[in-house]
Amino acid sequence: MILHPRLVVADEPVSALDVSVGAQVLLLLQDMQHELGLTYVLISHSLPVVAQMATHIAVMRAGQFVEFGPANLILEHPEGGYTKELLAAVPEIPPPG
């Protein structure tokens, strides 16, 4: 960060971390983004991470982009079959009780 980049490529930045440490790293990335005006290209297989960090999402399959758009539209109203499959595969935590 000493060189003051405007763009940072983060390839699976929290994939090898436990959930609590990963959450702290994501918060740090968000803080740095706001303080330094950074743009991230975040590469991740974790849809919860993508949902927390992304303003736009590009879904890739076999090295090809299959869907791109604002994060809220992709996550809430995916158009592509592959994107729908990915979202359906994310486990949901049932409410307590």
PDB file of N, CA and C in Angstrom:
ATOM      1  N   MET A   1       0.814  -1.197   0.000  1.00  0.00           N
ATOM      2  CA  MET A   1       0.000   0.000   0.000  1.00  0.00           C
ATOM      3  C   MET A   1       0.858   1.261   0.000  1.00  0.00           C
ATOM      4  N   ILE A   2       2.134   1.083   0.222  1.00  0.00           N
ATOM      5  CA  ILE A   2       3.038   2.223   0.288  1.00  0.00           C
ATOM      6  C   ILE A   2       3.112   2.976  -1.043  1.00  0.00           C
ATOM      7  N   LEU A   3       2.834   2.280  -2.146  1.00  0.00           N
ATOM      8  CA  LEU A   3       2.884   2.911  -3.469  1.00  0.00           C
ATOM      9  C   LEU A   3       1.554   3.565  -3.856  1.00  0.00           C
ATOM     10  N   HIS A   4       0.563   3.508  -2.962  1.00  0.00           N
ATOM     11  CA  HIS A   4      -0.749   4.127  -3.183  1.00  0.00           C
ATOM     12  C   HIS A   4      -1.427   3.643  -4.471  1.00  0.00           C
ATOM     13  N   PRO A   5      -1.638   2.333  -4.582  1.00  0.00           N
ATOM     14  CA  PRO A   5      -2.314   1.835  -5.789  1.00  0.00           C
ATOM     15  C   PRO A   5      -3.768   2.282  -5.806  1.00  0.00           C
ATOM     16  N   ARG A   6      -4.323   2.363  -6.990  1.00  0.00           N
ATOM     17  CA  ARG A   6      -5.743   2.663  -7.120  1.00  0.00           C
ATOM     18  C   ARG A   6      -6.525   1.367  -7.332  1.00  0.00           C
ATOM     19  N   LEU A   7      -5.829   0.323  -7.785  1.00  0.00           N
ATOM     20  CA  LEU A   7      -6.444  -0.970  -8.056  1.00  0.00           C
ATOM     21  C   LEU A   7      -5.658  -2.053  -7.347  1.00  0.00           C
ATOM     22  N   VAL A   8      -6.381  -2.931  -6.647  1.00  0.00           N
ATOM     23  CA  VAL A   8      -5.768  -4.067  -5.959  1.00  0.00           C
ATOM     24  C   VAL A   8      -6.484  -5.328  -6.426  1.00  0.00           C
ATOM     25  N   VAL A   9      -5.723  -6.311  -6.882  1.00  0.00           N
ATOM     26  CA  VAL A   9      -6.277  -7.615  -7.235  1.00  0.00           C
ATOM     27  C   VAL A   9      -6.104  -8.521  -6.024  1.00  0.00           C
ATOM     28  N   ALA A  10      -7.215  -9.018  -5.502  1.00  0.00           N
ATOM     29  CA  ALA A  10      -7.200  -9.877  -4.322  1.00  0.00           C
ATOM     30  C   ALA A  10      -7.740 -11.247  -4.721  1.00  0.00           C
ATOM     31  N   ASP A  11      -6.868 -12.211  -4.845  1.00  0.00           N
ATOM     32  CA  ASP A  11      -7.232 -13.563  -5.280  1.00  0.00           C
ATOM     33  C   ASP A  11      -7.431 -14.437  -4.053  1.00  0.00           C
ATOM     34  N   GLU A  12      -8.686 -14.759  -3.752  1.00  0.00           N
ATOM     35  CA  GLU A  12      -9.056 -15.583  -2.598  1.00  0.00           C
ATOM     36  C   GLU A  12      -8.404 -15.062  -1.309  1.00  0.00           C
ATOM     37  N   PRO A  13      -8.644 -13.798  -0.946  1.00  0.00           N
ATOM     38  CA  PRO A  13      -7.917 -13.200   0.179  1.00  0.00           C
ATOM     39  C   PRO A  13      -8.196 -13.823   1.542  1.00  0.00           C
ATOM     40  N   VAL A  14      -9.305 -14.538   1.695  1.00  0.00           N
ATOM     41  CA  VAL A  14      -9.618 -15.121   3.004  1.00  0.00           C
ATOM     42  C   VAL A  14      -9.857 -16.623   2.949  1.00  0.00           C
ATOM     43  N   SER A  15      -9.530 -17.251   1.839  1.00  0.00           N
ATOM     44  CA  SER A  15      -9.869 -18.672   1.665  1.00  0.00           C
ATOM     45  C   SER A  15      -9.166 -19.594   2.651  1.00  0.00           C
ATOM     46  N   ALA A  16      -7.960 -19.273   3.094  1.00  0.00           N
ATOM     47  CA  ALA A  16      -7.217 -20.148   4.003  1.00  0.00           C
ATOM     48  C   ALA A  16      -7.369 -19.738   5.469  1.00  0.00           C
ATOM     49  N   LEU A  17      -8.279 -18.821   5.746  1.00  0.00           N
ATOM     50  CA  LEU A  17      -8.438 -18.301   7.099  1.00  0.00           C
ATOM     51  C   LEU A  17      -9.707 -18.842   7.741  1.00  0.00           C
ATOM     52  N   ASP A  18      -9.698 -18.934   9.080  1.00  0.00           N
ATOM     53  CA  ASP A  18     -10.946 -19.323   9.731  1.00  0.00           C
ATOM     54  C   ASP A  18     -11.935 -18.161   9.620  1.00  0.00           C
ATOM     55  N   VAL A  19     -13.178 -18.442   9.905  1.00  0.00           N
ATOM     56  CA  VAL A  19     -14.254 -17.490   9.645  1.00  0.00           C
ATOM     57  C   VAL A  19     -14.050 -16.166  10.377  1.00  0.00           C
ATOM     58  N   SER A  20     -13.655 -16.209  11.656  1.00  0.00           N
ATOM     59  CA  SER A  20     -13.534 -14.956  12.408  1.00  0.00           C
ATOM     60  C   SER A  20     -12.366 -14.112  11.917  1.00  0.00           C
ATOM     61  N   VAL A  21     -11.239 -14.738  11.601  1.00  0.00           N
ATOM     62  CA  VAL A  21     -10.098 -13.986  11.078  1.00  0.00           C
ATOM     63  C   VAL A  21     -10.427 -13.467   9.677  1.00  0.00           C
ATOM     64  N   GLY A  22     -11.074 -14.296   8.870  1.00  0.00           N
ATOM     65  CA  GLY A  22     -11.477 -13.866   7.539  1.00  0.00           C
ATOM     66  C   GLY A  22     -12.391 -12.660   7.587  1.00  0.00           C
ATOM     67  N   ALA A  23     -13.323 -12.650   8.542  1.00  0.00           N
ATOM     68  CA  ALA A  23     -14.229 -11.504   8.688  1.00  0.00           C
ATOM     69  C   ALA A  23     -13.450 -10.240   9.039  1.00  0.00           C
ATOM     70  N   GLN A  24     -12.445 -10.378   9.895  1.00  0.00           N
ATOM     71  CA  GLN A  24     -11.621  -9.227  10.258  1.00  0.00           C
ATOM     72  C   GLN A  24     -10.845  -8.705   9.045  1.00  0.00           C
ATOM     73  N   VAL A  25     -10.333  -9.618   8.231  1.00  0.00           N
ATOM     74  CA  VAL A  25      -9.594  -9.213   7.033  1.00  0.00           C
ATOM     75  C   VAL A  25     -10.523  -8.492   6.065  1.00  0.00           C
ATOM     76  N   LEU A  26     -11.737  -8.986   5.892  1.00  0.00           N
ATOM     77  CA  LEU A  26     -12.689  -8.324   4.990  1.00  0.00           C
ATOM     78  C   LEU A  26     -13.033  -6.924   5.488  1.00  0.00           C
ATOM     79  N   LEU A  27     -13.201  -6.782   6.793  1.00  0.00           N
ATOM     80  CA  LEU A  27     -13.466  -5.448   7.344  1.00  0.00           C
ATOM     81  C   LEU A  27     -12.282  -4.519   7.120  1.00  0.00           C
ATOM     82  N   LEU A  28     -11.073  -5.040   7.281  1.00  0.00           N
ATOM     83  CA  LEU A  28      -9.867  -4.242   7.019  1.00  0.00           C
ATOM     84  C   LEU A  28      -9.814  -3.821   5.553  1.00  0.00           C
ATOM     85  N   LEU A  29     -10.114  -4.749   4.647  1.00  0.00           N
ATOM     86  CA  LEU A  29     -10.129  -4.412   3.216  1.00  0.00           C
ATOM     87  C   LEU A  29     -11.155  -3.312   2.924  1.00  0.00           C
ATOM     88  N   GLN A  30     -12.327  -3.415   3.546  1.00  0.00           N
ATOM     89  CA  GLN A  30     -13.354  -2.394   3.338  1.00  0.00           C
ATOM     90  C   GLN A  30     -12.908  -1.041   3.894  1.00  0.00           C
ATOM     91  N   ASP A  31     -12.314  -1.050   5.079  1.00  0.00           N
ATOM     92  CA  ASP A  31     -11.818   0.199   5.664  1.00  0.00           C
ATOM     93  C   ASP A  31     -10.765   0.847   4.766  1.00  0.00           C
ATOM     94  N   MET A  32      -9.828   0.030   4.283  1.00  0.00           N
ATOM     95  CA  MET A  32      -8.776   0.556   3.414  1.00  0.00           C
ATOM     96  C   MET A  32      -9.366   1.079   2.107  1.00  0.00           C
ATOM     97  N   GLN A  33     -10.385   0.403   1.616  1.00  0.00           N
ATOM     98  CA  GLN A  33     -11.034   0.846   0.384  1.00  0.00           C
ATOM     99  C   GLN A  33     -11.609   2.246   0.559  1.00  0.00           C
ATOM    100  N   HIS A  34     -12.289   2.468   1.661  1.00  0.00           N
ATOM    101  CA  HIS A  34     -12.903   3.778   1.901  1.00  0.00           C
ATOM    102  C   HIS A  34     -11.862   4.850   2.200  1.00  0.00           C
ATOM    103  N   GLU A  35     -10.872   4.509   2.997  1.00  0.00           N
ATOM    104  CA  GLU A  35      -9.862   5.493   3.382  1.00  0.00           C
ATOM    105  C   GLU A  35      -8.932   5.868   2.232  1.00  0.00           C
ATOM    106  N   LEU A  36      -8.587   4.887   1.388  1.00  0.00           N
ATOM    107  CA  LEU A  36      -7.600   5.115   0.339  1.00  0.00           C
ATOM    108  C   LEU A  36      -8.210   5.235  -1.056  1.00  0.00           C
ATOM    109  N   GLY A  37      -9.521   5.068  -1.166  1.00  0.00           N
ATOM    110  CA  GLY A  37     -10.172   5.163  -2.463  1.00  0.00           C
ATOM    111  C   GLY A  37      -9.792   4.026  -3.404  1.00  0.00           C
ATOM    112  N   LEU A  38      -9.621   2.820  -2.846  1.00  0.00           N
ATOM    113  CA  LEU A  38      -9.189   1.676  -3.646  1.00  0.00           C
ATOM    114  C   LEU A  38     -10.337   1.055  -4.426  1.00  0.00           C
ATOM    115  N   THR A  39      -9.983   0.464  -5.537  1.00  0.00           N
ATOM    116  CA  THR A  39     -10.873  -0.412  -6.278  1.00  0.00           C
ATOM    117  C   THR A  39     -10.285  -1.805  -6.188  1.00  0.00           C
ATOM    118  N   TYR A  40     -11.114  -2.779  -5.868  1.00  0.00           N
ATOM    119  CA  TYR A  40     -10.669  -4.167  -5.785  1.00  0.00           C
ATOM    120  C   TYR A  40     -11.205  -4.973  -6.947  1.00  0.00           C
ATOM    121  N   VAL A  41     -10.381  -5.850  -7.467  1.00  0.00           N
ATOM    122  CA  VAL A  41     -10.842  -6.960  -8.276  1.00  0.00           C
ATOM    123  C   VAL A  41     -10.689  -8.152  -7.346  1.00  0.00           C
ATOM    124  N   LEU A  42     -11.809  -8.633  -6.835  1.00  0.00           N
ATOM    125  CA  LEU A  42     -11.825  -9.695  -5.840  1.00  0.00           C
ATOM    126  C   LEU A  42     -12.188 -11.004  -6.525  1.00  0.00           C
ATOM    127  N   ILE A  43     -11.301 -11.957  -6.446  1.00  0.00           N
ATOM    128  CA  ILE A  43     -11.534 -13.276  -7.032  1.00  0.00           C
ATOM    129  C   ILE A  43     -11.854 -14.216  -5.885  1.00  0.00           C
ATOM    130  N   SER A  44     -13.021 -14.851  -5.946  1.00  0.00           N
ATOM    131  CA  SER A  44     -13.424 -15.708  -4.835  1.00  0.00           C
ATOM    132  C   SER A  44     -14.411 -16.768  -5.298  1.00  0.00           C
ATOM    133  N   HIS A  45     -14.328 -17.931  -4.642  1.00  0.00           N
ATOM    134  CA  HIS A  45     -15.329 -18.976  -4.827  1.00  0.00           C
ATOM    135  C   HIS A  45     -16.405 -18.882  -3.747  1.00  0.00           C
ATOM    136  N   SER A  46     -16.210 -18.005  -2.780  1.00  0.00           N
ATOM    137  CA  SER A  46     -17.125 -17.883  -1.656  1.00  0.00           C
ATOM    138  C   SER A  46     -18.170 -16.808  -1.938  1.00  0.00           C
ATOM    139  N   LEU A  47     -19.392 -17.237  -2.172  1.00  0.00           N
ATOM    140  CA  LEU A  47     -20.454 -16.268  -2.450  1.00  0.00           C
ATOM    141  C   LEU A  47     -20.758 -15.365  -1.254  1.00  0.00           C
ATOM    142  N   PRO A  48     -20.661 -15.835  -0.009  1.00  0.00           N
ATOM    143  CA  PRO A  48     -20.840 -14.894   1.098  1.00  0.00           C
ATOM    144  C   PRO A  48     -19.789 -13.776   1.098  1.00  0.00           C
ATOM    145  N   VAL A  49     -18.559 -14.100   0.756  1.00  0.00           N
ATOM    146  CA  VAL A  49     -17.511 -13.076   0.666  1.00  0.00           C
ATOM    147  C   VAL A  49     -17.842 -12.100  -0.456  1.00  0.00           C
ATOM    148  N   VAL A  50     -18.232 -12.634  -1.591  1.00  0.00           N
ATOM    149  CA  VAL A  50     -18.595 -11.795  -2.736  1.00  0.00           C
ATOM    150  C   VAL A  50     -19.762 -10.881  -2.367  1.00  0.00           C
ATOM    151  N   ALA A  51     -20.769 -11.447  -1.710  1.00  0.00           N
ATOM    152  CA  ALA A  51     -21.946 -10.661  -1.337  1.00  0.00           C
ATOM    153  C   ALA A  51     -21.578  -9.524  -0.392  1.00  0.00           C
ATOM    154  N   GLN A  52     -20.613  -9.745   0.487  1.00  0.00           N
ATOM    155  CA  GLN A  52     -20.214  -8.706   1.431  1.00  0.00           C
ATOM    156  C   GLN A  52     -19.389  -7.614   0.772  1.00  0.00           C
ATOM    157  N   MET A  53     -18.572  -7.977  -0.213  1.00  0.00           N
ATOM    158  CA  MET A  53     -17.582  -7.037  -0.730  1.00  0.00           C
ATOM    159  C   MET A  53     -17.938  -6.378  -2.061  1.00  0.00           C
ATOM    160  N   ALA A  54     -18.687  -7.044  -2.888  1.00  0.00           N
ATOM    161  CA  ALA A  54     -18.811  -6.623  -4.291  1.00  0.00           C
ATOM    162  C   ALA A  54     -19.889  -5.575  -4.527  1.00  0.00           C
ATOM    163  N   THR A  55     -19.586  -4.662  -5.435  1.00  0.00           N
ATOM    164  CA  THR A  55     -20.605  -3.768  -5.976  1.00  0.00           C
ATOM    165  C   THR A  55     -21.070  -4.278  -7.336  1.00  0.00           C
ATOM    166  N   HIS A  56     -20.180  -4.986  -8.022  1.00  0.00           N
ATOM    167  CA  HIS A  56     -20.485  -5.629  -9.299  1.00  0.00           C
ATOM    168  C   HIS A  56     -19.902  -7.033  -9.270  1.00  0.00           C
ATOM    169  N   ILE A  57     -20.541  -7.944  -9.987  1.00  0.00           N
ATOM    170  CA  ILE A  57     -20.102  -9.333 -10.008  1.00  0.00           C
ATOM    171  C   ILE A  57     -19.979  -9.798 -11.450  1.00  0.00           C
ATOM    172  N   ALA A  58     -18.893 -10.500 -11.714  1.00  0.00           N
ATOM    173  CA  ALA A  58     -18.713 -11.198 -12.985  1.00  0.00           C
ATOM    174  C   ALA A  58     -18.608 -12.680 -12.656  1.00  0.00           C
ATOM    175  N   VAL A  59     -19.514 -13.464 -13.183  1.00  0.00           N
ATOM    176  CA  VAL A  59     -19.517 -14.909 -12.958  1.00  0.00           C
ATOM    177  C   VAL A  59     -18.785 -15.566 -14.121  1.00  0.00           C
ATOM    178  N   MET A  60     -17.846 -16.443 -13.764  1.00  0.00           N
ATOM    179  CA  MET A  60     -17.082 -17.139 -14.801  1.00  0.00           C
ATOM    180  C   MET A  60     -17.346 -18.636 -14.729  1.00  0.00           C
ATOM    181  N   ARG A  61     -17.335 -19.246 -15.904  1.00  0.00           N
ATOM    182  CA  ARG A  61     -17.440 -20.709 -16.014  1.00  0.00           C
ATOM    183  C   ARG A  61     -16.495 -21.145 -17.115  1.00  0.00           C
ATOM    184  N   ALA A  62     -15.595 -22.056 -16.777  1.00  0.00           N
ATOM    185  CA  ALA A  62     -14.622 -22.581 -17.740  1.00  0.00           C
ATOM    186  C   ALA A  62     -13.843 -21.461 -18.426  1.00  0.00           C
ATOM    187  N   GLY A  63     -13.483 -20.446 -17.641  1.00  0.00           N
ATOM    188  CA  GLY A  63     -12.662 -19.354 -18.158  1.00  0.00           C
ATOM    189  C   GLY A  63     -13.406 -18.314 -18.976  1.00  0.00           C
ATOM    190  N   GLN A  64     -14.714 -18.396 -19.030  1.00  0.00           N
ATOM    191  CA  GLN A  64     -15.521 -17.451 -19.800  1.00  0.00           C
ATOM    192  C   GLN A  64     -16.500 -16.723 -18.880  1.00  0.00           C
ATOM    193  N   PHE A  65     -16.706 -15.440 -19.131  1.00  0.00           N
ATOM    194  CA  PHE A  65     -17.715 -14.707 -18.385  1.00  0.00           C
ATOM    195  C   PHE A  65     -19.091 -15.144 -18.863  1.00  0.00           C
ATOM    196  N   VAL A  66     -19.952 -15.514 -17.916  1.00  0.00           N
ATOM    197  CA  VAL A  66     -21.301 -15.943 -18.285  1.00  0.00           C
ATOM    198  C   VAL A  66     -22.371 -14.983 -17.793  1.00  0.00           C
ATOM    199  N   GLU A  67     -21.990 -14.094 -16.840  1.00  0.00           N
ATOM    200  CA  GLU A  67     -22.947 -13.106 -16.358  1.00  0.00           C
ATOM    201  C   GLU A  67     -22.171 -11.981 -15.681  1.00  0.00           C
ATOM    202  N   PHE A  68     -22.629 -10.758 -15.870  1.00  0.00           N
ATOM    203  CA  PHE A  68     -22.003  -9.596 -15.258  1.00  0.00           C
ATOM    204  C   PHE A  68     -23.068  -8.566 -14.950  1.00  0.00           C
ATOM    205  N   GLY A  69     -22.931  -7.916 -13.799  1.00  0.00           N
ATOM    206  CA  GLY A  69     -23.862  -6.847 -13.472  1.00  0.00           C
ATOM    207  C   GLY A  69     -23.706  -6.386 -12.044  1.00  0.00           C
ATOM    208  N   PRO A  70     -24.567  -5.458 -11.634  1.00  0.00           N
ATOM    209  CA  PRO A  70     -24.546  -4.999 -10.250  1.00  0.00           C
ATOM    210  C   PRO A  70     -24.761  -6.182  -9.298  1.00  0.00           C
ATOM    211  N   ALA A  71     -24.063  -6.163  -8.182  1.00  0.00           N
ATOM    212  CA  ALA A  71     -24.090  -7.288  -7.244  1.00  0.00           C
ATOM    213  C   ALA A  71     -25.512  -7.622  -6.797  1.00  0.00           C
ATOM    214  N   ASN A  72     -26.304  -6.598  -6.452  1.00  0.00           N
ATOM    215  CA  ASN A  72     -27.648  -6.886  -5.962  1.00  0.00           C
ATOM    216  C   ASN A  72     -28.497  -7.593  -7.018  1.00  0.00           C
ATOM    217  N   LEU A  73     -28.346  -7.236  -8.283  1.00  0.00           N
ATOM    218  CA  LEU A  73     -29.128  -7.904  -9.330  1.00  0.00           C
ATOM    219  C   LEU A  73     -28.655  -9.341  -9.547  1.00  0.00           C
ATOM    220  N   ILE A  74     -27.357  -9.539  -9.581  1.00  0.00           N
ATOM    221  CA  ILE A  74     -26.831 -10.891  -9.792  1.00  0.00           C
ATOM    222  C   ILE A  74     -27.232 -11.800  -8.638  1.00  0.00           C
ATOM    223  N   LEU A  75     -27.125 -11.307  -7.400  1.00  0.00           N
ATOM    224  CA  LEU A  75     -27.417 -12.135  -6.234  1.00  0.00           C
ATOM    225  C   LEU A  75     -28.912 -12.360  -6.022  1.00  0.00           C
ATOM    226  N   GLU A  76     -29.737 -11.378  -6.362  1.00  0.00           N
ATOM    227  CA  GLU A  76     -31.173 -11.488  -6.115  1.00  0.00           C
ATOM    228  C   GLU A  76     -31.967 -11.971  -7.328  1.00  0.00           C
ATOM    229  N   HIS A  77     -31.493 -11.652  -8.530  1.00  0.00           N
ATOM    230  CA  HIS A  77     -32.231 -12.009  -9.748  1.00  0.00           C
ATOM    231  C   HIS A  77     -31.264 -12.483 -10.832  1.00  0.00           C
ATOM    232  N   PRO A  78     -30.563 -13.586 -10.592  1.00  0.00           N
ATOM    233  CA  PRO A  78     -29.623 -14.055 -11.610  1.00  0.00           C
ATOM    234  C   PRO A  78     -30.373 -14.461 -12.878  1.00  0.00           C
ATOM    235  N   GLU A  79     -29.741 -14.230 -14.009  1.00  0.00           N
ATOM    236  CA  GLU A  79     -30.370 -14.588 -15.275  1.00  0.00           C
ATOM    237  C   GLU A  79     -29.845 -15.912 -15.813  1.00  0.00           C
ATOM    238  N   GLY A  80     -28.552 -16.140 -15.613  1.00  0.00           N
ATOM    239  CA  GLY A  80     -27.947 -17.341 -16.178  1.00  0.00           C
ATOM    240  C   GLY A  80     -28.190 -18.579 -15.339  1.00  0.00           C
ATOM    241  N   GLY A  81     -28.330 -19.707 -16.023  1.00  0.00           N
ATOM    242  CA  GLY A  81     -28.547 -20.975 -15.336  1.00  0.00           C
ATOM    243  C   GLY A  81     -27.403 -21.343 -14.410  1.00  0.00           C
ATOM    244  N   TYR A  82     -26.174 -21.112 -14.850  1.00  0.00           N
ATOM    245  CA  TYR A  82     -25.016 -21.443 -14.027  1.00  0.00           C
ATOM    246  C   TYR A  82     -24.993 -20.588 -12.765  1.00  0.00           C
ATOM    247  N   THR A  83     -25.288 -19.316 -12.884  1.00  0.00           N
ATOM    248  CA  THR A  83     -25.328 -18.432 -11.723  1.00  0.00           C
ATOM    249  C   THR A  83     -26.420 -18.886 -10.756  1.00  0.00           C
ATOM    250  N   LYS A  84     -27.559 -19.275 -11.274  1.00  0.00           N
ATOM    251  CA  LYS A  84     -28.643 -19.786 -10.421  1.00  0.00           C
ATOM    252  C   LYS A  84     -28.195 -21.039  -9.674  1.00  0.00           C
ATOM    253  N   GLU A  85     -27.472 -21.924 -10.353  1.00  0.00           N
ATOM    254  CA  GLU A  85     -26.957 -23.141  -9.709  1.00  0.00           C
ATOM    255  C   GLU A  85     -25.975 -22.792  -8.587  1.00  0.00           C
ATOM    256  N   LEU A  86     -25.087 -21.840  -8.849  1.00  0.00           N
ATOM    257  CA  LEU A  86     -24.125 -21.434  -7.822  1.00  0.00           C
ATOM    258  C   LEU A  86     -24.835 -20.893  -6.585  1.00  0.00           C
ATOM    259  N   LEU A  87     -25.799 -20.027  -6.791  1.00  0.00           N
ATOM    260  CA  LEU A  87     -26.512 -19.439  -5.669  1.00  0.00           C
ATOM    261  C   LEU A  87     -27.336 -20.476  -4.906  1.00  0.00           C
ATOM    262  N   ALA A  88     -27.901 -21.429  -5.615  1.00  0.00           N
ATOM    263  CA  ALA A  88     -28.690 -22.479  -4.964  1.00  0.00           C
ATOM    264  C   ALA A  88     -27.806 -23.404  -4.123  1.00  0.00           C
ATOM    265  N   ALA A  89     -26.529 -23.477  -4.442  1.00  0.00           N
ATOM    266  CA  ALA A  89     -25.612 -24.366  -3.730  1.00  0.00           C
ATOM    267  C   ALA A  89     -25.095 -23.783  -2.422  1.00  0.00           C
ATOM    268  N   VAL A  90     -25.365 -22.502  -2.159  1.00  0.00           N
ATOM    269  CA  VAL A  90     -24.903 -21.871  -0.928  1.00  0.00           C
ATOM    270  C   VAL A  90     -25.805 -22.317   0.217  1.00  0.00           C
ATOM    271  N   PRO A  91     -25.214 -22.970   1.234  1.00  0.00           N
ATOM    272  CA  PRO A  91     -26.067 -23.419   2.354  1.00  0.00           C
ATOM    273  C   PRO A  91     -26.581 -22.231   3.164  1.00  0.00           C
ATOM    274  N   GLU A  92     -27.776 -22.376   3.676  1.00  0.00           N
ATOM    275  CA  GLU A  92     -28.366 -21.343   4.522  1.00  0.00           C
ATOM    276  C   GLU A  92     -28.379 -21.849   5.953  1.00  0.00           C
ATOM    277  N   ILE A  93     -28.117 -20.967   6.885  1.00  0.00           N
ATOM    278  CA  ILE A  93     -28.157 -21.327   8.299  1.00  0.00           C
ATOM    279  C   ILE A  93     -29.585 -21.145   8.775  1.00  0.00           C
ATOM    280  N   PRO A  94     -30.192 -22.218   9.280  1.00  0.00           N
ATOM    281  CA  PRO A  94     -31.580 -22.069   9.753  1.00  0.00           C
ATOM    282  C   PRO A  94     -31.632 -21.181  10.995  1.00  0.00           C
ATOM    283  N   PRO A  95     -32.751 -20.471  11.170  1.00  0.00           N
ATOM    284  CA  PRO A  95     -32.877 -19.618  12.354  1.00  0.00           C
ATOM    285  C   PRO A  95     -32.903 -20.472  13.618  1.00  0.00           C
ATOM    286  N   PRO A  96     -32.402 -19.930  14.732  1.00  0.00           N
ATOM    287  CA  PRO A  96     -32.405 -20.707  15.969  1.00  0.00           C
ATOM    288  C   PRO A  96     -33.820 -20.981  16.468  1.00  0.00           C
ATOM    289  N   GLY A  97     -33.954 -22.107  17.165  1.00  0.00           N
ATOM    290  CA  GLY A  97     -35.216 -22.432  17.814  1.00  0.00           C
ATOM    291  C   GLY A  97     -36.124 -23.103  16.908  1.00  0.00           C
TER     292      GLY A  97
END
